[in-house]
Every structure is written in C-alpha cells, then in structure tokens.
Amino acid sequence: MESQISCLTPSLPTLKLTHVVAHIGTEGNELADRMAMLGAQRKEEKLRPYQETIDIPTLLKLRAG
C-alpha cells in the first residue's frame, strides 16, 4: 500500500494520511464504513461511479460493518 500511495505524492503534494481508530463514532470514518458495506452488498463485477443519491443521516444509522 505504501508504494501505491507514494505514486500519488507528485500529484497530491499536500496529501496527509492519518490513522483513525475504527468504530468510535468518527463521522467520516463511519460513513466510509457504511459505504463500503453497500458496495460489498452490490457485488458489482466492474468498478463504476456510485450514481444514486447519498442520504448521509440514513447511512450513518445503518449497523456498523
């Protein structure tokens, strides 16, 4: 993963990665967790943009993954 991230550095010179403890209520992390769950449930064969409306409060009410 480190080598993949280092490839981004020239195009994103201000990129800063920070460790976030999971499942302690950090809204952005919790939202990412719920979005990952939705993506896994869909079982799409190919990567495609998510085109549906995202209702953040509803997503955050879903159970944690």
Protein backbone atom coordinates (compact mmCIF):
# COMPACT_ATOMS: atom_id res chain seq x y z
CA MET A 1 0.00 0.00 0.00
CA GLU A 2 2.85 2.38 0.76
CA SER A 3 4.17 2.10 -2.80
CA GLN A 4 0.71 2.84 -4.21
CA ILE A 5 0.42 5.91 -2.02
CA SER A 6 3.89 7.13 -2.97
CA CYS A 7 2.78 7.17 -6.62
CA LEU A 8 0.12 9.74 -5.67
CA THR A 9 2.53 12.08 -3.93
CA PRO A 10 3.63 14.06 -7.03
CA SER A 11 0.03 14.90 -7.96
CA LEU A 12 -1.12 15.45 -4.36
CA PRO A 13 1.80 17.15 -2.58
CA THR A 14 -0.36 18.14 0.40
CA LEU A 15 -1.72 14.63 0.95
CA LYS A 16 -1.56 13.69 4.62
CA LEU A 17 -2.53 10.26 5.89
CA THR A 18 -3.66 9.89 9.45
CA HIS A 19 -4.59 6.74 11.35
CA VAL A 20 -8.21 6.81 12.50
CA VAL A 21 -9.40 4.40 15.18
CA ALA A 22 -12.40 2.49 13.83
CA HIS A 23 -15.88 2.33 15.30
CA ILE A 24 -15.56 5.13 17.84
CA GLY A 25 -18.03 7.47 16.15
CA THR A 26 -15.77 9.47 13.83
CA GLU A 27 -18.42 10.54 11.30
CA GLY A 28 -16.29 10.42 8.14
CA ASN A 29 -14.86 7.03 9.07
CA GLU A 30 -18.29 5.66 9.97
CA LEU A 31 -19.69 6.92 6.66
CA ALA A 32 -16.84 5.28 4.74
CA ASP A 33 -17.56 2.02 6.59
CA ARG A 34 -21.26 2.13 5.64
CA MET A 35 -20.45 2.98 2.01
CA ALA A 36 -18.03 0.04 1.88
CA MET A 37 -20.81 -2.23 3.18
CA LEU A 38 -23.18 -1.02 0.45
CA GLY A 39 -20.53 -1.60 -2.19
CA ALA A 40 -19.85 -5.12 -0.95
CA GLN A 41 -23.56 -5.97 -0.95
CA ARG A 42 -23.95 -4.92 -4.58
CA LYS A 43 -21.30 -7.35 -5.84
CA GLU A 44 -20.63 -5.34 -9.00
CA GLU A 45 -18.27 -7.05 -11.41
CA LYS A 46 -16.67 -3.82 -12.60
CA LEU A 47 -15.74 -0.59 -10.87
CA ARG A 48 -18.25 2.15 -11.65
CA PRO A 49 -19.18 5.51 -10.14
CA TYR A 50 -21.84 5.49 -7.43
CA GLN A 51 -24.72 7.39 -9.05
CA GLU A 52 -27.51 7.17 -6.51
CA THR A 53 -28.41 9.88 -4.03
CA ILE A 54 -26.45 9.54 -0.81
CA ASP A 55 -28.55 10.18 2.29
CA ILE A 56 -25.80 10.56 4.88
CA PRO A 57 -28.01 10.57 8.02
CA THR A 58 -29.72 7.36 6.87
CA LEU A 59 -26.41 5.69 6.03
CA LEU A 60 -24.99 6.56 9.44
CA LYS A 61 -28.00 4.87 11.08
CA LEU A 62 -27.14 1.53 9.43
CA ARG A 63 -25.42 -1.06 11.58
CA ALA A 64 -21.66 -0.93 11.70
CA GLY A 65 -19.76 -3.37 9.49
